[in-house]
Amino acid sequence: MRFFHKILLALTLMMASQAKAFTPESGFWWNPNEPGSGYTIEIQDNFLFIIAYVYDDLGNPIWYTAAQTMEGNAIFDSELDYTYNGPCIDCNYTQPITIEGERGPITITFISESTAELQFQGAVKNIQRFNFILGDELNKMRGEWQIVIDQSNLVSGYPYFADALIFDDAGYDSDIDLDVVIGCRSESTYFYYYCTDDAYDNSVYAYYDADDDLLYAVVEHDSNNFLTYKVRVGLQQFDGDAYFYQRGTTPNFNVEGFLVRGFRTASRTFTETGTGPSRAAPTKDDGGFKSAQAIPLAYTKTLSQEEYAQLENKKQNQIVKQLELFLEMNKKLKALK
């Protein structure tokens, strides 16, 4: 029964998402409904190691481990090892006793970078990456993200491009009646000052669609084009599609765009203060902000006005259009400064 449940779930995941591959995140995981217990998951190459911090039938703390090569990028299937009789913290070290597979099978089926279904000892648990400080789906975007765009499905030659987005504020925007996170594409990942306030052609607005668990980030690519990211976001990375289209047209989110992978490369604290986790210390740009040079991309598929009008569910497109309109308004206001 367990085998068939695993196969059914894996097929459901493939059919439901038609998704690009993703990489589950290493780190602390938990079930928010069961605080006080948790799991450390470490993935190196395609090998996964898990430690479970749980309790026995009497409520005494106990922990198990398991390790195994993953099946593809989404399924881990192994046996729980039980370790006991180890030394106390300030005692001389003695080798603890480990009984391999003593506590039965364990299966983890990853749904995304930061969500999974865990089965062991007859229980089925929905677990997720432990987000203890980054905030909700919008606030956790604050910081710097560097992105790789693959347009090899549409062009020949060298198909890879890079992007860098800085998100530095989040909240409710009454002008478009949406909770958003805002920022810009900076000229340099060293110079964070003035970015959102002074970016003329490279502002970015993003909203989170809770129904589909997707983040849509609309970038004012240049004076003629928009670039919209449609991605699933973990705590440190995201995967999905990018759509490059002319102003006045509508992206077709029902087809694949460019393959996109993004990685957090500087923390929110670093982008706000210049200190904190990052790859280098910044230098203040006293010359002011300059817009980044626009990257030439192939256009993705768009919808005609007739096709757009016939869509049964236009929510995502309508909200993207709201974000585009606000970017246009924001640009005009900056021009008056």
Protein backbone atom coordinates (compact mmCIF):
# COMPACT_ATOMS: atom_id res chain seq x y z
CA MET A 1 0.00 0.00 0.00
CA ARG A 2 2.79 2.39 0.89
CA PHE A 3 4.47 1.71 -2.47
CA PHE A 4 1.31 2.48 -4.43
CA HIS A 5 0.70 5.65 -2.39
CA LYS A 6 4.19 6.87 -3.25
CA ILE A 7 3.76 6.14 -6.98
CA LEU A 8 0.32 7.79 -7.06
CA LEU A 9 1.62 10.92 -5.35
CA ALA A 10 4.60 11.13 -7.68
CA LEU A 11 2.35 10.84 -10.75
CA THR A 12 -0.01 13.45 -9.32
CA LEU A 13 2.87 15.85 -8.82
CA MET A 14 4.10 15.40 -12.39
CA MET A 15 0.65 15.79 -13.93
CA ALA A 16 -0.44 18.71 -11.77
CA SER A 17 2.55 20.93 -12.22
CA GLN A 18 3.96 20.14 -15.66
CA ALA A 19 6.85 21.64 -13.73
CA LYS A 20 10.45 22.32 -14.38
CA ALA A 21 12.75 20.38 -12.08
CA PHE A 22 13.43 21.88 -8.67
CA THR A 23 15.99 21.26 -5.95
CA PRO A 24 14.66 20.71 -2.40
CA GLU A 25 16.36 23.02 0.10
CA SER A 26 18.64 21.77 2.84
CA GLY A 27 17.97 23.10 6.32
CA PHE A 28 15.47 22.85 9.17
CA TRP A 29 12.00 21.50 8.35
CA TRP A 30 8.89 21.17 10.51
CA ASN A 31 5.14 20.71 10.67
CA PRO A 32 3.75 24.07 11.91
CA ASN A 33 0.97 22.16 13.70
CA GLU A 34 3.53 20.21 15.74
CA PRO A 35 5.93 22.76 17.29
CA GLY A 36 8.59 21.21 19.49
CA SER A 37 9.52 18.54 16.96
CA GLY A 38 11.30 18.90 13.67
CA TYR A 39 13.66 17.56 11.03
CA THR A 40 17.06 18.50 9.68
CA ILE A 41 17.42 17.61 6.00
CA GLU A 42 20.79 17.85 4.28
CA ILE A 43 21.09 17.14 0.55
CA GLN A 44 24.47 16.78 -1.13
CA ASP A 45 24.37 15.91 -4.81
CA ASN A 46 21.45 13.44 -4.91
CA PHE A 47 22.11 11.93 -1.46
CA LEU A 48 19.82 12.91 1.41
CA PHE A 49 20.44 12.64 5.16
CA ILE A 50 17.67 13.37 7.67
CA ILE A 51 17.59 13.70 11.46
CA ALA A 52 14.15 13.53 13.11
CA TYR A 53 13.72 15.18 16.52
CA VAL A 54 10.59 13.50 17.90
CA TYR A 55 9.25 11.76 21.04
CA ASP A 56 8.57 8.18 22.11
CA ASP A 57 5.27 6.79 23.44
CA LEU A 58 6.04 8.16 26.92
CA GLY A 59 6.81 11.66 25.67
CA ASN A 60 10.57 11.33 26.08
CA PRO A 61 12.66 13.11 23.42
CA ILE A 62 14.21 10.77 20.89
CA TRP A 63 15.84 11.15 17.52
CA TYR A 64 16.24 9.01 14.45
CA THR A 65 18.37 9.25 11.32
CA ALA A 66 18.08 7.97 7.77
CA ALA A 67 20.19 8.29 4.63
CA GLN A 68 19.70 7.23 1.02
CA THR A 69 20.22 8.28 -2.59
CA MET A 70 17.10 10.09 -3.82
CA GLU A 71 14.92 8.89 -6.67
CA GLY A 72 15.01 11.75 -9.16
CA ASN A 73 14.73 15.13 -7.49
CA ALA A 74 11.59 14.48 -5.46
CA ILE A 75 11.47 11.11 -3.65
CA PHE A 76 13.48 9.80 -0.70
CA ASP A 77 12.79 6.23 0.46
CA SER A 78 14.82 4.67 3.27
CA GLU A 79 14.77 3.07 6.74
CA LEU A 80 14.92 4.80 10.13
CA ASP A 81 18.03 4.13 12.20
CA TYR A 82 17.75 4.30 16.01
CA THR A 83 20.76 5.52 18.00
CA TYR A 84 21.01 5.39 21.81
CA ASN A 85 23.40 5.04 24.78
CA GLY A 86 25.57 7.97 23.75
CA PRO A 87 27.70 10.08 26.10
CA CYS A 88 26.43 13.16 27.93
CA ILE A 89 27.69 16.58 26.82
CA ASP A 90 30.47 16.86 29.44
CA CYS A 91 31.27 13.14 29.66
CA ASN A 92 34.14 11.31 28.03
CA TYR A 93 33.14 10.18 24.58
CA THR A 94 31.90 6.63 24.13
CA GLN A 95 30.59 5.18 20.89
CA PRO A 96 26.75 5.22 20.86
CA ILE A 97 24.82 2.20 19.66
CA THR A 98 23.00 2.44 16.31
CA ILE A 99 20.46 -0.12 15.11
CA GLU A 100 20.01 0.33 11.36
CA GLY A 101 16.43 0.25 10.08
CA GLU A 102 15.09 -0.54 13.55
CA ARG A 103 12.20 1.94 13.40
CA GLY A 104 10.86 1.02 9.98
CA PRO A 105 10.52 2.75 6.61
CA ILE A 106 10.55 6.49 5.96
CA THR A 107 9.49 8.23 2.74
CA ILE A 108 9.72 11.90 1.81
CA THR A 109 8.01 13.16 -1.34
CA PHE A 110 9.01 16.74 -2.11
CA ILE A 111 6.31 18.92 -3.65
CA SER A 112 8.48 22.01 -4.08
CA GLU A 113 11.75 23.51 -2.85
CA SER A 114 10.26 24.01 0.59
CA THR A 115 7.25 21.69 1.00
CA ALA A 116 7.02 17.92 1.28
CA GLU A 117 4.99 14.96 2.51
CA LEU A 118 6.70 12.80 5.13
CA GLN A 119 5.63 9.24 6.03
CA PHE A 120 7.03 7.14 8.86
CA GLN A 121 5.75 4.84 11.63
CA GLY A 122 2.23 4.91 10.19
CA ALA A 123 1.97 8.70 10.20
CA VAL A 124 1.67 11.08 7.24
CA LYS A 125 2.87 14.63 7.87
CA ASN A 126 3.00 17.74 5.71
CA ILE A 127 6.31 19.45 6.41
CA GLN A 128 7.91 22.66 5.20
CA ARG A 129 11.13 24.63 5.54
CA PHE A 130 11.27 26.36 8.91
CA ASN A 131 10.80 30.06 8.20
CA PHE A 132 11.47 31.62 11.60
CA ILE A 133 12.41 35.19 10.66
CA LEU A 134 11.94 35.95 6.95
CA GLY A 135 8.20 36.67 7.14
CA ASP A 136 5.31 35.91 4.79
CA GLU A 137 5.48 35.05 1.09
CA LEU A 138 6.16 38.68 0.12
CA ASN A 139 8.41 39.81 2.96
CA LYS A 140 10.66 36.77 2.53
CA MET A 141 11.59 38.15 -0.92
CA ARG A 142 13.32 41.17 0.61
CA GLY A 143 17.02 41.13 -0.22
CA GLU A 144 18.95 40.46 -3.42
CA TRP A 145 18.24 37.66 -5.87
CA GLN A 146 20.47 36.74 -8.80
CA ILE A 147 18.77 34.91 -11.64
CA VAL A 148 19.72 32.73 -14.60
CA ILE A 149 17.38 32.89 -17.62
CA ASP A 150 17.49 30.09 -20.20
CA GLN A 151 15.82 30.95 -23.53
CA SER A 152 17.27 28.00 -25.44
CA ASN A 153 13.74 26.82 -26.26
CA LEU A 154 13.28 29.93 -28.43
CA VAL A 155 16.69 30.92 -29.78
CA SER A 156 19.91 29.38 -31.05
CA GLY A 157 23.41 30.50 -30.15
CA TYR A 158 24.35 31.37 -26.58
CA PRO A 159 20.99 31.22 -24.79
CA TYR A 160 21.75 32.15 -21.17
CA PHE A 161 21.29 35.53 -19.52
CA ALA A 162 21.57 36.80 -15.96
CA ASP A 163 19.44 39.20 -13.96
CA ALA A 164 19.64 40.67 -10.45
CA LEU A 165 16.64 41.98 -8.53
CA ILE A 166 16.62 43.80 -5.21
CA PHE A 167 13.41 43.84 -3.16
CA ASP A 168 13.45 46.33 -0.31
CA ASP A 169 9.88 47.08 0.77
CA ALA A 170 6.63 45.16 1.19
CA GLY A 171 3.09 46.04 2.19
CA TYR A 172 -0.38 47.00 1.01
CA ASP A 173 -0.61 49.34 -1.97
CA SER A 174 -3.97 51.12 -1.95
CA ASP A 175 -3.53 52.41 -5.53
CA ILE A 176 -3.80 48.89 -6.96
CA ASP A 177 -5.49 47.21 -3.95
CA LEU A 178 -2.79 44.56 -3.60
CA ASP A 179 -0.22 43.35 -1.10
CA VAL A 180 3.07 43.70 -2.97
CA VAL A 181 6.83 43.63 -2.56
CA ILE A 182 8.71 46.28 -4.52
CA GLY A 183 12.28 46.93 -5.63
CA CYS A 184 14.35 47.31 -8.76
CA ARG A 185 16.99 45.88 -11.02
CA SER A 186 20.09 47.74 -9.86
CA GLU A 187 22.99 48.85 -12.02
CA SER A 188 25.31 47.03 -9.63
CA THR A 189 24.95 44.48 -6.88
CA TYR A 190 27.44 46.54 -4.88
CA PHE A 191 25.42 49.77 -4.94
CA TYR A 192 22.07 49.37 -3.21
CA TYR A 193 21.37 52.99 -2.44
CA TYR A 194 18.55 54.89 -4.17
CA CYS A 195 17.51 51.73 -6.03
CA THR A 196 13.75 51.63 -5.54
CA ASP A 197 13.29 55.41 -5.29
CA ASP A 198 15.36 56.39 -8.31
CA ALA A 199 15.22 53.43 -10.71
CA TYR A 200 13.69 54.95 -13.85
CA ASP A 201 13.30 52.04 -16.26
CA ASN A 202 14.01 49.10 -13.95
CA SER A 203 11.45 49.07 -11.16
CA VAL A 204 9.87 45.76 -10.10
CA TYR A 205 6.57 44.95 -8.38
CA ALA A 206 5.62 41.45 -7.24
CA TYR A 207 2.53 39.80 -5.76
CA TYR A 208 1.85 36.32 -4.39
CA ASP A 209 -1.03 34.21 -5.71
CA ALA A 210 -1.98 32.03 -2.74
CA ASP A 211 -4.39 29.88 -4.78
CA ASP A 212 -1.60 28.61 -7.05
CA ASP A 213 1.33 29.18 -4.63
CA LEU A 214 3.08 31.32 -7.25
CA LEU A 215 4.90 34.64 -7.14
CA TYR A 216 4.52 37.02 -10.10
CA ALA A 217 7.23 39.70 -10.38
CA VAL A 218 6.80 42.33 -13.12
CA VAL A 219 10.03 44.09 -14.12
CA GLU A 220 10.04 47.31 -16.11
CA HIS A 221 12.68 45.93 -18.46
CA ASP A 222 13.05 49.07 -20.60
CA SER A 223 10.86 51.75 -22.20
CA ASN A 224 9.32 49.24 -24.62
CA ASN A 225 9.14 45.91 -22.77
CA PHE A 226 8.15 44.11 -19.58
CA LEU A 227 9.71 40.96 -18.12
CA THR A 228 7.47 38.97 -15.76
CA TYR A 229 8.68 36.12 -13.56
CA LYS A 230 6.20 33.39 -12.59
CA VAL A 231 7.95 31.29 -9.94
CA ARG A 232 7.63 29.02 -6.91
CA VAL A 233 9.80 30.37 -4.12
CA GLY A 234 11.59 28.61 -1.28
CA LEU A 235 13.54 30.45 1.40
CA GLN A 236 16.78 30.71 -0.59
CA GLN A 237 15.89 29.90 -4.20
CA PHE A 238 13.10 29.88 -6.76
CA ASP A 239 12.23 28.09 -10.01
CA GLY A 240 9.76 28.79 -12.78
CA ASP A 241 9.24 30.73 -15.99
CA ALA A 242 9.95 34.22 -17.32
CA TYR A 243 7.88 36.00 -19.98
CA PHE A 244 9.33 38.80 -22.11
CA TYR A 245 6.77 40.87 -24.00
CA GLN A 246 6.10 44.30 -25.46
CA ARG A 247 4.16 46.90 -23.54
CA GLY A 248 0.52 46.78 -24.52
CA THR A 249 0.50 43.01 -25.07
CA THR A 250 -0.48 40.28 -22.62
CA PRO A 251 1.81 37.37 -21.66
CA ASN A 252 0.38 33.89 -22.19
CA PHE A 253 0.89 32.23 -18.81
CA ASN A 254 -0.75 29.04 -20.11
CA VAL A 255 2.41 28.12 -22.05
CA GLU A 256 6.01 27.74 -20.98
CA GLY A 257 8.20 30.81 -20.85
CA PHE A 258 11.95 30.91 -20.36
CA LEU A 259 13.33 28.48 -17.79
CA VAL A 260 14.36 30.49 -14.71
CA ARG A 261 16.33 29.74 -11.56
CA GLY A 262 16.99 32.36 -8.90
CA PHE A 263 19.13 32.35 -5.76
CA ARG A 264 19.25 34.67 -2.78
CA THR A 265 22.68 36.30 -2.84
CA ALA A 266 22.33 39.01 -0.20
CA SER A 267 20.14 39.26 2.86
CA ARG A 268 17.49 41.85 3.55
CA THR A 269 19.69 43.27 6.31
CA PHE A 270 22.62 43.62 3.92
CA THR A 271 20.62 45.46 1.27
CA GLU A 272 19.22 47.81 3.94
CA THR A 273 22.31 48.46 6.04
CA GLY A 274 25.38 47.23 4.16
CA THR A 275 26.11 44.57 6.78
CA GLY A 276 24.94 40.98 7.02
CA PRO A 277 25.14 37.81 4.91
CA SER A 278 26.33 38.54 1.37
CA ARG A 279 29.20 37.78 -0.97
CA ALA A 280 31.09 41.10 -0.61
CA ALA A 281 30.97 44.36 1.31
CA PRO A 282 29.28 47.18 -0.64
CA THR A 283 30.69 50.56 -1.47
CA LYS A 284 28.33 53.50 -1.48
CA ASP A 285 27.81 54.96 -4.94
CA ASP A 286 27.94 58.71 -4.35
CA GLY A 287 27.28 59.31 -8.04
CA GLY A 288 23.65 58.29 -7.63
CA PHE A 289 21.67 55.52 -9.23
CA LYS A 290 21.95 54.54 -12.88
CA SER A 291 19.51 52.21 -14.62
CA ALA A 292 20.89 48.84 -15.64
CA GLN A 293 21.39 48.15 -19.31
CA ALA A 294 18.43 46.25 -20.73
CA ILE A 295 19.12 42.68 -21.87
CA PRO A 296 17.93 41.76 -25.38
CA LEU A 297 15.66 38.72 -25.14
CA ALA A 298 13.46 36.77 -27.52
CA TYR A 299 9.76 37.50 -27.07
CA THR A 300 7.67 34.80 -25.45
CA LYS A 301 4.16 33.96 -26.60
CA THR A 302 1.48 36.57 -25.95
CA LEU A 303 -2.31 36.65 -26.12
CA SER A 304 -4.32 38.68 -28.60
CA GLN A 305 -7.08 40.89 -27.21
CA GLU A 306 -9.64 38.31 -28.38
CA GLU A 307 -7.79 35.42 -26.72
CA TYR A 308 -7.34 37.45 -23.54
CA ALA A 309 -11.07 38.23 -23.43
CA GLN A 310 -11.93 34.54 -23.79
CA LEU A 311 -9.86 33.38 -20.84
CA GLU A 312 -12.02 31.78 -18.15
CA ASN A 313 -9.62 32.78 -15.37
CA LYS A 314 -7.99 36.13 -16.06
CA LYS A 315 -7.02 36.90 -12.45
CA GLN A 316 -3.24 36.57 -12.91
CA ASN A 317 -3.23 38.58 -16.14
CA GLN A 318 -5.43 41.29 -14.66
CA ILE A 319 -3.21 41.71 -11.62
CA VAL A 320 -0.08 41.74 -13.79
CA LYS A 321 -1.71 44.52 -15.83
CA GLN A 322 -2.36 46.41 -12.58
CA LEU A 323 1.30 46.10 -11.67
CA GLU A 324 2.35 47.26 -15.14
CA LEU A 325 0.06 50.29 -14.86
CA PHE A 326 1.48 51.22 -11.49
CA LEU A 327 5.03 50.93 -12.83
CA GLU A 328 4.05 53.35 -15.60
CA MET A 329 2.56 55.79 -13.06
CA ASN A 330 5.61 55.47 -10.85
CA LYS A 331 7.91 56.23 -13.79
CA LYS A 332 6.02 59.42 -14.60
CA LEU A 333 6.24 60.57 -10.98
CA LYS A 334 10.00 59.98 -10.93
CA ALA A 335 10.38 62.00 -14.13
CA LEU A 336 8.87 64.98 -12.32
CA LYS A 337 11.48 64.90 -9.53
